[in-house]
Amino acid sequence: MPYYWREANSYGTYAYISSEHGPLQIIDLTNPDAPTLVTTFGQRSHTVSVDVANRRLWANGGSNPGGGCTIYDLLSPTSPLQVGTYSSAYVHDCLPLRGYSYLAQISAGNCRILDTRSFPTLTTLSTTATPGLFTHNVWVDDDD
């Protein structure tokens, strides 16, 4: 059996699952003993990140131009609506939090910070090279 990468992130009672070999999946977790597949949507992606405060799903490293991010609105959690893209560079993983998105641009070897407070406008605030030039993921402390 071939190995297929998957990553999951949740919003409310739903899990959103990425796959590099197919569309995103939505799983209903209302009954955790019997999760059910609701639907598939969108395109392939390496990872998924959820901005809970702004109800957005970021599908990272997907098949959009540049392998950046495809951003979905989760107002209707079972019918995500694509509301934006970021395609300036490949994004391996990201942390959307408190009006910013912290991007791990693995191949470019940097961490990029986007201001998302005026979404759908995404403004680059900084791009910082990381040790080893291999930025796999990002996280911030309580002070960002």
C-alpha atoms as a PDB file:
ATOM      1  CA  MET A   1       0.000   0.000   0.000  1.00  0.00           C
ATOM      2  CA  PRO A   2       1.462   3.406  -0.914  1.00  0.00           C
ATOM      3  CA  TYR A   3       2.141   5.965   1.792  1.00  0.00           C
ATOM      4  CA  TYR A   4      -0.043   9.061   1.511  1.00  0.00           C
ATOM      5  CA  TRP A   5       0.689  12.093   3.660  1.00  0.00           C
ATOM      6  CA  ARG A   6      -2.279  13.429   5.603  1.00  0.00           C
ATOM      7  CA  GLU A   7      -2.725  16.212   8.125  1.00  0.00           C
ATOM      8  CA  ALA A   8      -5.829  17.166  10.075  1.00  0.00           C
ATOM      9  CA  ASN A   9      -6.981  20.322  11.774  1.00  0.00           C
ATOM     10  CA  SER A  10     -10.337  20.997  13.381  1.00  0.00           C
ATOM     11  CA  TYR A  11     -12.936  23.741  13.467  1.00  0.00           C
ATOM     12  CA  GLY A  12     -16.003  23.227  15.625  1.00  0.00           C
ATOM     13  CA  THR A  13     -17.131  19.621  15.259  1.00  0.00           C
ATOM     14  CA  TYR A  14     -15.395  19.119  11.911  1.00  0.00           C
ATOM     15  CA  ALA A  15     -11.937  17.919  10.943  1.00  0.00           C
ATOM     16  CA  TYR A  16     -10.346  19.099   7.703  1.00  0.00           C
ATOM     17  CA  ILE A  17      -7.849  16.651   6.255  1.00  0.00           C
ATOM     18  CA  SER A  18      -5.194  17.400   3.655  1.00  0.00           C
ATOM     19  CA  SER A  19      -3.727  15.014   1.133  1.00  0.00           C
ATOM     20  CA  GLU A  20      -1.087  15.442  -1.518  1.00  0.00           C
ATOM     21  CA  HIS A  21      -2.930  12.915  -3.673  1.00  0.00           C
ATOM     22  CA  GLY A  22      -6.475  14.217  -3.702  1.00  0.00           C
ATOM     23  CA  PRO A  23      -8.914  16.844  -2.537  1.00  0.00           C
ATOM     24  CA  LEU A  24      -9.412  17.999   1.036  1.00  0.00           C
ATOM     25  CA  GLN A  25     -11.827  16.002   3.197  1.00  0.00           C
ATOM     26  CA  ILE A  26     -14.343  17.150   5.806  1.00  0.00           C
ATOM     27  CA  ILE A  27     -15.060  14.705   8.622  1.00  0.00           C
ATOM     28  CA  ASP A  28     -17.975  15.197  11.040  1.00  0.00           C
ATOM     29  CA  LEU A  29     -16.764  14.535  14.601  1.00  0.00           C
ATOM     30  CA  THR A  30     -20.108  15.109  16.339  1.00  0.00           C
ATOM     31  CA  ASN A  31     -19.918  11.486  17.457  1.00  0.00           C
ATOM     32  CA  PRO A  32     -16.190  10.816  17.953  1.00  0.00           C
ATOM     33  CA  ASP A  33     -16.861   7.080  18.183  1.00  0.00           C
ATOM     34  CA  ALA A  34     -18.308   7.144  14.667  1.00  0.00           C
ATOM     35  CA  PRO A  35     -16.745   9.956  12.587  1.00  0.00           C
ATOM     36  CA  THR A  36     -18.285  10.341   9.145  1.00  0.00           C
ATOM     37  CA  LEU A  37     -17.016  11.725   5.862  1.00  0.00           C
ATOM     38  CA  VAL A  38     -19.144  14.733   4.922  1.00  0.00           C
ATOM     39  CA  THR A  39     -17.570  15.627   1.596  1.00  0.00           C
ATOM     40  CA  THR A  40     -14.393  16.332  -0.311  1.00  0.00           C
ATOM     41  CA  PHE A  41     -13.562  19.710  -1.823  1.00  0.00           C
ATOM     42  CA  GLY A  42     -10.820  21.840  -3.271  1.00  0.00           C
ATOM     43  CA  GLN A  43      -7.506  20.494  -4.365  1.00  0.00           C
ATOM     44  CA  ARG A  44      -4.540  18.664  -2.942  1.00  0.00           C
ATOM     45  CA  SER A  45      -2.491  20.259  -0.183  1.00  0.00           C
ATOM     46  CA  HIS A  46       0.361  19.266   2.111  1.00  0.00           C
ATOM     47  CA  THR A  47      -0.963  20.763   5.353  1.00  0.00           C
ATOM     48  CA  VAL A  48      -4.020  22.591   6.652  1.00  0.00           C
ATOM     49  CA  SER A  49      -4.199  25.389   9.207  1.00  0.00           C
ATOM     50  CA  VAL A  50      -7.292  26.921  10.785  1.00  0.00           C
ATOM     51  CA  ASP A  51      -7.683  30.548  11.794  1.00  0.00           C
ATOM     52  CA  VAL A  52     -10.465  29.989  14.333  1.00  0.00           C
ATOM     53  CA  ALA A  53     -11.087  33.677  15.118  1.00  0.00           C
ATOM     54  CA  ASN A  54     -11.634  34.526  11.445  1.00  0.00           C
ATOM     55  CA  ARG A  55     -13.107  31.086  10.499  1.00  0.00           C
ATOM     56  CA  ARG A  56     -10.623  30.530   7.675  1.00  0.00           C
ATOM     57  CA  LEU A  57      -8.946  27.350   6.517  1.00  0.00           C
ATOM     58  CA  TRP A  58      -5.500  27.691   4.943  1.00  0.00           C
ATOM     59  CA  ALA A  59      -4.610  24.786   2.622  1.00  0.00           C
ATOM     60  CA  ASN A  60      -0.824  24.936   2.326  1.00  0.00           C
ATOM     61  CA  GLY A  61       1.547  23.603  -0.309  1.00  0.00           C
ATOM     62  CA  GLY A  62      -1.220  22.756  -2.707  1.00  0.00           C
ATOM     63  CA  SER A  63      -1.674  22.801  -6.407  1.00  0.00           C
ATOM     64  CA  ASN A  64      -2.375  26.520  -6.777  1.00  0.00           C
ATOM     65  CA  PRO A  65       0.331  28.494  -8.622  1.00  0.00           C
ATOM     66  CA  GLY A  66       3.558  28.477  -6.645  1.00  0.00           C
ATOM     67  CA  GLY A  67       2.277  25.926  -4.130  1.00  0.00           C
ATOM     68  CA  GLY A  68       1.419  28.675  -1.673  1.00  0.00           C
ATOM     69  CA  CYS A  69      -1.928  28.690   0.137  1.00  0.00           C
ATOM     70  CA  THR A  70      -5.555  28.471  -0.849  1.00  0.00           C
ATOM     71  CA  ILE A  71      -7.758  30.145   1.740  1.00  0.00           C
ATOM     72  CA  TYR A  72     -11.352  29.084   2.439  1.00  0.00           C
ATOM     73  CA  ASP A  73     -14.109  30.719   4.492  1.00  0.00           C
ATOM     74  CA  LEU A  74     -15.678  28.335   7.011  1.00  0.00           C
ATOM     75  CA  LEU A  75     -18.897  30.307   7.606  1.00  0.00           C
ATOM     76  CA  SER A  76     -20.593  27.148   6.369  1.00  0.00           C
ATOM     77  CA  PRO A  77     -18.181  24.524   7.778  1.00  0.00           C
ATOM     78  CA  THR A  78     -19.373  21.780   5.426  1.00  0.00           C
ATOM     79  CA  SER A  79     -19.277  23.966   2.296  1.00  0.00           C
ATOM     80  CA  PRO A  80     -16.041  25.989   2.440  1.00  0.00           C
ATOM     81  CA  LEU A  81     -15.890  28.855  -0.018  1.00  0.00           C
ATOM     82  CA  GLN A  82     -12.528  29.791  -1.546  1.00  0.00           C
ATOM     83  CA  VAL A  83     -11.880  33.430  -0.655  1.00  0.00           C
ATOM     84  CA  GLY A  84      -8.210  33.929  -1.420  1.00  0.00           C
ATOM     85  CA  THR A  85      -4.828  32.629  -2.437  1.00  0.00           C
ATOM     86  CA  TYR A  86      -1.228  33.316  -1.603  1.00  0.00           C
ATOM     87  CA  SER A  87       1.149  32.237  -4.321  1.00  0.00           C
ATOM     88  CA  SER A  88       4.378  34.228  -3.968  1.00  0.00           C
ATOM     89  CA  ALA A  89       6.297  31.150  -2.784  1.00  0.00           C
ATOM     90  CA  TYR A  90       5.776  27.565  -1.672  1.00  0.00           C
ATOM     91  CA  VAL A  91       4.290  27.327   1.838  1.00  0.00           C
ATOM     92  CA  HIS A  92       4.963  24.098   3.718  1.00  0.00           C
ATOM     93  CA  ASP A  93       2.970  25.072   6.808  1.00  0.00           C
ATOM     94  CA  CYS A  94       1.508  28.202   8.367  1.00  0.00           C
ATOM     95  CA  LEU A  95       0.092  29.587  11.583  1.00  0.00           C
ATOM     96  CA  PRO A  96      -2.745  32.073  11.033  1.00  0.00           C
ATOM     97  CA  LEU A  97      -3.255  33.871  14.341  1.00  0.00           C
ATOM     98  CA  ARG A  98      -4.466  37.248  15.647  1.00  0.00           C
ATOM     99  CA  GLY A  99      -4.524  38.987  12.258  1.00  0.00           C
ATOM    100  CA  TYR A 100      -1.236  37.616  10.986  1.00  0.00           C
ATOM    101  CA  SER A 101      -0.134  34.503   9.168  1.00  0.00           C
ATOM    102  CA  TYR A 102       3.300  33.049   9.862  1.00  0.00           C
ATOM    103  CA  LEU A 103       4.466  31.074   6.826  1.00  0.00           C
ATOM    104  CA  ALA A 104       7.076  28.307   6.810  1.00  0.00           C
ATOM    105  CA  GLN A 105       8.563  28.512   3.332  1.00  0.00           C
ATOM    106  CA  ILE A 106      10.601  25.336   3.509  1.00  0.00           C
ATOM    107  CA  SER A 107      12.294  25.446   0.095  1.00  0.00           C
ATOM    108  CA  ALA A 108      13.113  29.156   0.317  1.00  0.00           C
ATOM    109  CA  GLY A 109      14.471  28.647   3.845  1.00  0.00           C
ATOM    110  CA  ASN A 110      12.592  31.469   5.458  1.00  0.00           C
ATOM    111  CA  CYS A 111       9.737  32.487   7.701  1.00  0.00           C
ATOM    112  CA  ARG A 112       7.451  35.108   6.204  1.00  0.00           C
ATOM    113  CA  ILE A 113       4.917  37.101   8.204  1.00  0.00           C
ATOM    114  CA  LEU A 114       1.771  38.339   6.474  1.00  0.00           C
ATOM    115  CA  ASP A 115      -0.606  40.944   7.836  1.00  0.00           C
ATOM    116  CA  THR A 116      -4.110  39.538   7.219  1.00  0.00           C
ATOM    117  CA  ARG A 117      -6.109  42.160   9.160  1.00  0.00           C
ATOM    118  CA  SER A 118      -7.374  43.704   5.900  1.00  0.00           C
ATOM    119  CA  PHE A 119      -8.195  40.352   4.322  1.00  0.00           C
ATOM    120  CA  PRO A 120      -8.326  39.561   1.429  1.00  0.00           C
ATOM    121  CA  THR A 121      -5.306  41.857   1.172  1.00  0.00           C
ATOM    122  CA  LEU A 122      -2.214  39.976   2.347  1.00  0.00           C
ATOM    123  CA  THR A 123       0.680  42.309   3.139  1.00  0.00           C
ATOM    124  CA  THR A 124       4.190  40.958   3.713  1.00  0.00           C
ATOM    125  CA  LEU A 125       5.592  42.411   6.932  1.00  0.00           C
ATOM    126  CA  SER A 126       8.871  40.508   7.025  1.00  0.00           C
ATOM    127  CA  THR A 127      10.844  37.668   5.497  1.00  0.00           C
ATOM    128  CA  THR A 128      13.534  36.122   7.687  1.00  0.00           C
ATOM    129  CA  ALA A 129      16.026  33.424   6.734  1.00  0.00           C
ATOM    130  CA  THR A 130      16.159  30.604   9.259  1.00  0.00           C
ATOM    131  CA  PRO A 131      19.147  28.550  10.442  1.00  0.00           C
ATOM    132  CA  GLY A 132      19.861  25.754   7.996  1.00  0.00           C
ATOM    133  CA  LEU A 133      17.668  27.466   5.388  1.00  0.00           C
ATOM    134  CA  PHE A 134      14.977  24.819   5.892  1.00  0.00           C
ATOM    135  CA  THR A 135      11.854  26.235   7.549  1.00  0.00           C
ATOM    136  CA  HIS A 136       9.627  23.239   8.225  1.00  0.00           C
ATOM    137  CA  ASN A 137       7.012  24.867  10.469  1.00  0.00           C
ATOM    138  CA  VAL A 138       6.402  27.985  12.561  1.00  0.00           C
ATOM    139  CA  TRP A 139       4.960  28.892  15.936  1.00  0.00           C
ATOM    140  CA  VAL A 140       4.885  32.003  18.109  1.00  0.00           C
ATOM    141  CA  ASP A 141       4.931  32.665  21.829  1.00  0.00           C
ATOM    142  CA  ASP A 142       2.205  34.593  23.690  1.00  0.00           C
ATOM    143  CA  ASP A 143       3.764  37.891  22.567  1.00  0.00           C
ATOM    144  CA  ASP A 144       3.807  36.784  18.906  1.00  0.00           C
END
